[in-house]
């Protein structure tokens, strides 16, 4: 059973419950004390070709090693299961916006990253991509953690 049973009433709510749980787990991670930072999570919304779901899954799987190597903390990629069949998501956290910018530079220098981008361009399974940068509201994240069943 989910840590957020109130979100389990529909498949869409189940997805967002899992998404929230991932954000909560990242927000609770201790930050290095060497300098103050503003941790961020990059929320990527993809519009995908629903007939190329397997190609998108392959693309996402390749990022599972590339993203950490280049400096991101991959929370996960999410494919549609029920309901809307052409929207997928990814969540990647960074210590700060500056760390994200360094990560973007590393992606351009990484051969596997370039090959994965080329794979997506060749197969054309990503129709649109949007990025939103989020920061957790610590008091709300702690509140949810405190009330969730163990």
Protein backbone atom coordinates (compact mmCIF):
# COMPACT_ATOMS: atom_id res chain seq x y z
CA UNK A 1 0.00 0.00 0.00
CA UNK A 2 1.20 3.50 -0.79
CA UNK A 3 2.46 5.90 1.85
CA UNK A 4 -0.28 8.16 0.51
CA UNK A 5 -3.42 5.98 0.45
CA UNK A 6 -5.66 8.98 -0.20
CA UNK A 7 -3.99 9.33 -3.61
CA UNK A 8 -4.76 5.73 -4.67
CA UNK A 9 -8.41 6.17 -5.71
CA UNK A 10 -7.64 6.49 -9.45
CA UNK A 11 -4.70 5.48 -11.67
CA UNK A 12 -3.89 9.15 -12.30
CA UNK A 13 -3.85 9.86 -8.59
CA UNK A 14 -1.73 6.77 -8.07
CA UNK A 15 0.85 8.17 -10.49
CA UNK A 16 0.89 11.55 -8.77
CA UNK A 17 1.17 9.82 -5.41
CA UNK A 18 4.29 8.03 -6.63
CA UNK A 19 5.60 11.28 -8.08
CA UNK A 20 5.04 13.05 -4.74
CA UNK A 21 6.75 10.22 -2.86
CA UNK A 22 9.82 10.60 -5.11
CA UNK A 23 9.95 14.34 -4.50
CA UNK A 24 9.56 13.81 -0.75
CA UNK A 25 12.44 11.33 -0.67
CA UNK A 26 14.75 13.77 -2.46
CA UNK A 27 13.71 16.77 -0.38
CA UNK A 28 14.62 14.86 2.78
CA UNK A 29 18.22 14.26 1.71
CA UNK A 30 20.81 16.20 3.73
CA UNK A 31 22.71 18.85 1.84
CA UNK A 32 26.50 19.26 2.08
CA UNK A 33 27.40 21.93 4.63
CA UNK A 34 30.24 23.44 2.61
CA UNK A 35 28.07 26.16 1.07
CA UNK A 36 24.44 27.20 1.13
CA UNK A 37 22.54 25.90 -1.88
CA UNK A 38 19.01 25.88 -3.20
CA UNK A 39 18.22 22.29 -4.14
CA UNK A 40 16.05 22.02 -7.23
CA UNK A 41 14.23 19.30 -9.09
CA UNK A 42 13.84 19.50 -12.83
CA UNK A 43 10.40 18.22 -13.83
CA UNK A 44 10.36 17.28 -17.51
CA UNK A 45 7.05 16.72 -19.27
CA UNK A 46 7.30 14.89 -22.58
CA UNK A 47 4.68 14.60 -25.26
CA UNK A 48 5.53 11.27 -26.87
CA UNK A 49 4.36 9.18 -29.79
CA UNK A 50 2.17 6.58 -28.02
CA UNK A 51 3.04 4.00 -30.70
CA UNK A 52 6.74 4.30 -29.79
CA UNK A 53 6.40 3.72 -26.06
CA UNK A 54 9.11 1.04 -26.13
CA UNK A 55 11.56 3.41 -27.85
CA UNK A 56 10.91 6.04 -25.17
CA UNK A 57 11.45 3.40 -22.46
CA UNK A 58 14.79 2.49 -24.07
CA UNK A 59 15.73 6.18 -24.19
CA UNK A 60 14.80 6.63 -20.51
CA UNK A 61 16.73 3.50 -19.51
CA UNK A 62 19.89 4.85 -21.13
CA UNK A 63 19.61 8.02 -19.02
CA UNK A 64 19.75 5.90 -15.84
CA UNK A 65 23.55 5.72 -16.12
CA UNK A 66 24.24 8.94 -18.03
CA UNK A 67 22.44 11.35 -15.67
CA UNK A 68 24.27 10.30 -12.47
CA UNK A 69 27.61 10.24 -14.30
CA UNK A 70 27.03 13.83 -15.45
CA UNK A 71 26.00 15.13 -12.02
CA UNK A 72 22.22 14.73 -11.71
CA UNK A 73 20.28 12.68 -9.20
CA UNK A 74 17.73 10.77 -11.25
CA UNK A 75 14.46 10.25 -9.40
CA UNK A 76 12.94 8.47 -12.36
CA UNK A 77 11.21 8.41 -15.72
CA UNK A 78 7.48 7.72 -15.84
CA UNK A 79 5.52 6.34 -18.80
CA UNK A 80 1.75 6.62 -19.14
CA UNK A 81 -0.06 3.54 -17.94
CA UNK A 82 -3.74 4.45 -18.10
CA UNK A 83 -5.56 7.55 -19.24
CA UNK A 84 -3.58 9.95 -21.40
CA UNK A 85 -1.26 7.81 -23.51
CA UNK A 86 1.07 10.44 -24.96
CA UNK A 87 2.52 12.13 -21.86
CA UNK A 88 5.61 10.94 -19.98
CA UNK A 89 7.60 12.54 -17.16
CA UNK A 90 11.10 12.63 -15.71
CA UNK A 91 12.37 14.02 -12.41
CA UNK A 92 16.03 14.91 -11.88
CA UNK A 93 17.36 16.71 -8.79
CA UNK A 94 20.39 18.94 -8.41
CA UNK A 95 22.15 20.62 -5.51
CA UNK A 96 21.53 24.02 -7.10
CA UNK A 97 20.72 25.79 -10.34
CA UNK A 98 24.48 26.21 -10.85
CA UNK A 99 24.91 22.43 -10.52
CA UNK A 100 22.21 21.98 -13.17
CA UNK A 101 24.10 24.31 -15.52
CA UNK A 102 27.31 22.30 -15.00
CA UNK A 103 25.34 19.11 -15.67
CA UNK A 104 24.06 20.53 -18.98
CA UNK A 105 27.66 21.23 -20.08
CA UNK A 106 28.72 17.68 -19.11
CA UNK A 107 25.83 16.25 -21.16
CA UNK A 108 27.16 17.96 -24.28
CA UNK A 109 30.60 16.43 -23.64
CA UNK A 110 29.39 12.89 -22.88
CA UNK A 111 29.41 10.53 -25.89
CA UNK A 112 26.57 8.34 -24.54
CA UNK A 113 24.46 11.44 -23.90
CA UNK A 114 24.98 12.71 -27.44
CA UNK A 115 24.15 9.25 -28.83
CA UNK A 116 20.94 9.09 -26.79
CA UNK A 117 19.83 12.53 -28.00
CA UNK A 118 20.57 11.37 -31.57
CA UNK A 119 18.52 8.20 -30.99
CA UNK A 120 15.52 10.35 -29.95
CA UNK A 121 15.93 12.64 -32.96
CA UNK A 122 16.21 9.73 -35.38
CA UNK A 123 13.22 7.80 -33.99
CA UNK A 124 11.12 10.98 -33.44
CA UNK A 125 9.25 9.56 -30.42
CA UNK A 126 9.53 12.82 -28.46
CA UNK A 127 7.16 15.37 -29.95
CA UNK A 128 7.55 18.05 -27.30
CA UNK A 129 9.52 18.58 -24.10
CA UNK A 130 8.87 21.09 -21.31
CA UNK A 131 11.03 21.76 -18.24
CA UNK A 132 9.89 23.19 -14.94
CA UNK A 133 12.23 23.75 -12.01
CA UNK A 134 10.80 23.02 -8.59
CA UNK A 135 11.95 23.42 -5.02
CA UNK A 136 10.33 21.58 -2.16
CA UNK A 137 8.54 23.50 0.57
CA UNK A 138 10.35 21.88 3.47
CA UNK A 139 7.63 22.38 6.08
CA UNK A 140 5.04 20.67 3.89
CA UNK A 141 7.35 17.79 3.03
CA UNK A 142 8.13 17.15 6.69
CA UNK A 143 4.43 17.37 7.54
CA UNK A 144 3.54 14.70 4.98
CA UNK A 145 6.34 12.45 6.16
CA UNK A 146 5.24 12.74 9.78
CA UNK A 147 1.65 11.70 9.00
CA UNK A 148 2.38 8.85 6.59
CA UNK A 149 2.12 5.27 7.96
CA UNK A 150 5.37 3.40 8.53
